[in-house]
Amino acid sequence: MEDRTNPPAWLTEPEAAHHLRVSPDTLRRWRREGTGPDWHRAGGRLIRYRLTEVDAWVTGSGEAAR
């Protein structure tokens, strides 16, 4: 069962897409175009999103908000 009282600090691509209510393909396109939330590469190939940065992007208060 998912713990909603203590969400993870880092989100996988599918988790971030779910959080934003978009498809993973949309999130990938935003990443390519540089229009989505900030993302980070972990271990060379893994893409991760910091939950606080995703939320800041949604509200327009993050650096990635363009």
N, C-alpha and C. Protein backbone atom coordinates (compact mmCIF):
# COMPACT_ATOMS: atom_id res chain seq x y z
N MET A 1 0.84 -1.18 0.00
CA MET A 1 0.00 0.00 0.00
C MET A 1 0.88 1.24 0.00
N GLU A 2 0.48 2.23 -0.77
CA GLU A 2 1.24 3.47 -0.91
C GLU A 2 1.06 4.34 0.34
N ASP A 3 2.15 4.90 0.83
CA ASP A 3 2.12 5.77 2.01
C ASP A 3 1.98 7.21 1.54
N ARG A 4 0.79 7.75 1.63
CA ARG A 4 0.52 9.12 1.16
C ARG A 4 0.92 10.17 2.19
N THR A 5 1.17 9.78 3.43
CA THR A 5 1.55 10.74 4.45
C THR A 5 3.01 11.12 4.36
N ASN A 6 3.82 10.29 3.73
CA ASN A 6 5.24 10.55 3.61
C ASN A 6 5.68 10.21 2.19
N PRO A 7 5.38 11.10 1.20
CA PRO A 7 5.71 10.78 -0.18
C PRO A 7 7.22 10.73 -0.40
N PRO A 8 7.67 10.00 -1.43
CA PRO A 8 9.10 9.90 -1.69
C PRO A 8 9.67 11.25 -2.15
N ALA A 9 10.93 11.49 -1.81
CA ALA A 9 11.59 12.73 -2.23
C ALA A 9 11.90 12.70 -3.72
N TRP A 10 12.18 11.53 -4.26
CA TRP A 10 12.53 11.37 -5.66
C TRP A 10 11.49 10.50 -6.35
N LEU A 11 11.14 10.86 -7.58
CA LEU A 11 10.15 10.11 -8.35
C LEU A 11 10.80 9.52 -9.59
N THR A 12 10.38 8.31 -9.93
CA THR A 12 10.77 7.74 -11.21
C THR A 12 9.98 8.45 -12.30
N GLU A 13 10.32 8.20 -13.55
CA GLU A 13 9.59 8.81 -14.64
C GLU A 13 8.10 8.44 -14.61
N PRO A 14 7.74 7.17 -14.45
CA PRO A 14 6.31 6.84 -14.37
C PRO A 14 5.61 7.48 -13.16
N GLU A 15 6.30 7.55 -12.04
CA GLU A 15 5.72 8.19 -10.86
C GLU A 15 5.50 9.68 -11.08
N ALA A 16 6.47 10.34 -11.69
CA ALA A 16 6.35 11.77 -11.96
C ALA A 16 5.21 12.02 -12.96
N ALA A 17 5.11 11.19 -13.98
CA ALA A 17 4.03 11.32 -14.96
C ALA A 17 2.68 11.15 -14.27
N HIS A 18 2.58 10.15 -13.42
CA HIS A 18 1.33 9.92 -12.68
C HIS A 18 1.01 11.12 -11.78
N HIS A 19 2.01 11.65 -11.11
CA HIS A 19 1.83 12.80 -10.23
C HIS A 19 1.32 14.01 -11.02
N LEU A 20 1.81 14.17 -12.25
CA LEU A 20 1.41 15.29 -13.10
C LEU A 20 0.14 14.99 -13.91
N ARG A 21 -0.29 13.74 -13.86
CA ARG A 21 -1.47 13.28 -14.61
C ARG A 21 -1.27 13.44 -16.12
N VAL A 22 -0.06 13.05 -16.56
CA VAL A 22 0.26 13.01 -17.99
C VAL A 22 0.88 11.65 -18.27
N SER A 23 1.03 11.31 -19.53
CA SER A 23 1.65 10.04 -19.88
C SER A 23 3.18 10.16 -19.77
N PRO A 24 3.85 9.04 -19.56
CA PRO A 24 5.32 9.07 -19.57
C PRO A 24 5.87 9.62 -20.89
N ASP A 25 5.18 9.35 -22.00
CA ASP A 25 5.62 9.89 -23.30
C ASP A 25 5.59 11.42 -23.30
N THR A 26 4.57 12.01 -22.70
CA THR A 26 4.48 13.46 -22.62
C THR A 26 5.63 14.01 -21.78
N LEU A 27 5.91 13.35 -20.67
CA LEU A 27 7.01 13.77 -19.80
C LEU A 27 8.35 13.69 -20.55
N ARG A 28 8.54 12.62 -21.33
CA ARG A 28 9.77 12.49 -22.13
C ARG A 28 9.88 13.60 -23.17
N ARG A 29 8.76 13.92 -23.82
CA ARG A 29 8.76 14.99 -24.83
C ARG A 29 9.11 16.32 -24.17
N TRP A 30 8.51 16.60 -23.02
CA TRP A 30 8.83 17.83 -22.31
C TRP A 30 10.32 17.88 -21.97
N ARG A 31 10.89 16.73 -21.58
CA ARG A 31 12.31 16.69 -21.22
C ARG A 31 13.16 17.01 -22.45
N ARG A 32 12.81 16.41 -23.59
CA ARG A 32 13.55 16.68 -24.84
C ARG A 32 13.46 18.14 -25.24
N GLU A 33 12.26 18.71 -25.08
CA GLU A 33 12.03 20.10 -25.49
C GLU A 33 12.52 21.11 -24.45
N GLY A 34 12.84 20.63 -23.25
CA GLY A 34 13.29 21.52 -22.19
C GLY A 34 12.18 22.34 -21.57
N THR A 35 10.95 21.85 -21.66
CA THR A 35 9.81 22.60 -21.16
C THR A 35 9.21 22.03 -19.89
N GLY A 36 9.63 20.87 -19.47
CA GLY A 36 9.04 20.22 -18.30
C GLY A 36 9.79 20.54 -17.02
N PRO A 37 9.43 19.84 -15.97
CA PRO A 37 10.11 20.05 -14.69
C PRO A 37 11.57 19.61 -14.76
N ASP A 38 12.38 20.17 -13.86
CA ASP A 38 13.79 19.76 -13.79
C ASP A 38 13.87 18.26 -13.53
N TRP A 39 14.89 17.64 -14.12
CA TRP A 39 15.11 16.22 -13.92
C TRP A 39 16.59 15.99 -13.66
N HIS A 40 16.89 14.82 -13.15
CA HIS A 40 18.26 14.48 -12.77
C HIS A 40 18.58 13.07 -13.27
N ARG A 41 19.82 12.89 -13.67
CA ARG A 41 20.27 11.56 -14.10
C ARG A 41 20.98 10.90 -12.93
N ALA A 42 20.56 9.68 -12.63
CA ALA A 42 21.16 8.92 -11.53
C ALA A 42 21.79 7.65 -12.10
N GLY A 43 23.04 7.44 -11.81
CA GLY A 43 23.69 6.21 -12.25
C GLY A 43 23.84 6.10 -13.75
N GLY A 44 23.90 7.21 -14.44
CA GLY A 44 24.15 7.19 -15.88
C GLY A 44 22.89 7.16 -16.72
N ARG A 45 21.97 6.22 -16.46
CA ARG A 45 20.80 6.08 -17.33
C ARG A 45 19.48 6.38 -16.65
N LEU A 46 19.44 6.30 -15.34
CA LEU A 46 18.17 6.48 -14.63
C LEU A 46 17.79 7.95 -14.54
N ILE A 47 16.56 8.24 -14.89
CA ILE A 47 16.03 9.60 -14.81
C ILE A 47 15.17 9.69 -13.55
N ARG A 48 15.41 10.73 -12.76
CA ARG A 48 14.64 10.94 -11.54
C ARG A 48 14.20 12.39 -11.46
N TYR A 49 13.07 12.59 -10.83
CA TYR A 49 12.50 13.92 -10.61
C TYR A 49 12.36 14.14 -9.12
N ARG A 50 12.80 15.28 -8.65
CA ARG A 50 12.63 15.64 -7.24
C ARG A 50 11.20 16.15 -7.07
N LEU A 51 10.45 15.56 -6.14
CA LEU A 51 9.04 15.91 -5.95
C LEU A 51 8.84 17.40 -5.73
N THR A 52 9.70 18.01 -4.94
CA THR A 52 9.55 19.45 -4.67
C THR A 52 9.73 20.28 -5.94
N GLU A 53 10.63 19.85 -6.84
CA GLU A 53 10.85 20.57 -8.10
C GLU A 53 9.67 20.38 -9.06
N VAL A 54 9.09 19.20 -9.06
CA VAL A 54 7.91 18.95 -9.90
C VAL A 54 6.77 19.84 -9.44
N ASP A 55 6.54 19.88 -8.13
CA ASP A 55 5.46 20.71 -7.59
C ASP A 55 5.72 22.20 -7.84
N ALA A 56 6.97 22.63 -7.73
CA ALA A 56 7.31 24.02 -8.00
C ALA A 56 7.08 24.36 -9.46
N TRP A 57 7.38 23.43 -10.35
CA TRP A 57 7.16 23.64 -11.78
C TRP A 57 5.66 23.82 -12.06
N VAL A 58 4.85 22.99 -11.40
CA VAL A 58 3.39 23.07 -11.60
C VAL A 58 2.86 24.44 -11.18
N THR A 59 3.36 24.94 -10.05
CA THR A 59 2.86 26.22 -9.54
C THR A 59 3.53 27.41 -10.22
N GLY A 60 4.55 27.15 -11.05
CA GLY A 60 5.21 28.23 -11.75
C GLY A 60 6.28 28.93 -10.93
N SER A 61 6.63 28.37 -9.77
CA SER A 61 7.62 29.03 -8.91
C SER A 61 9.00 28.40 -9.01
N GLY A 62 9.14 27.35 -9.84
CA GLY A 62 10.43 26.69 -9.97
C GLY A 62 11.28 27.30 -11.07
N GLU A 63 12.57 27.00 -11.02
CA GLU A 63 13.48 27.49 -12.05
C GLU A 63 13.09 26.99 -13.43
N ALA A 64 12.54 25.75 -13.48
CA ALA A 64 12.19 25.17 -14.76
C ALA A 64 10.95 25.81 -15.37
N ALA A 65 10.21 26.57 -14.59
CA ALA A 65 9.02 27.23 -15.13
C ALA A 65 9.45 28.28 -16.14
N ARG A 66 9.00 28.12 -17.34
CA ARG A 66 9.44 29.01 -18.41
C ARG A 66 8.29 29.83 -18.92
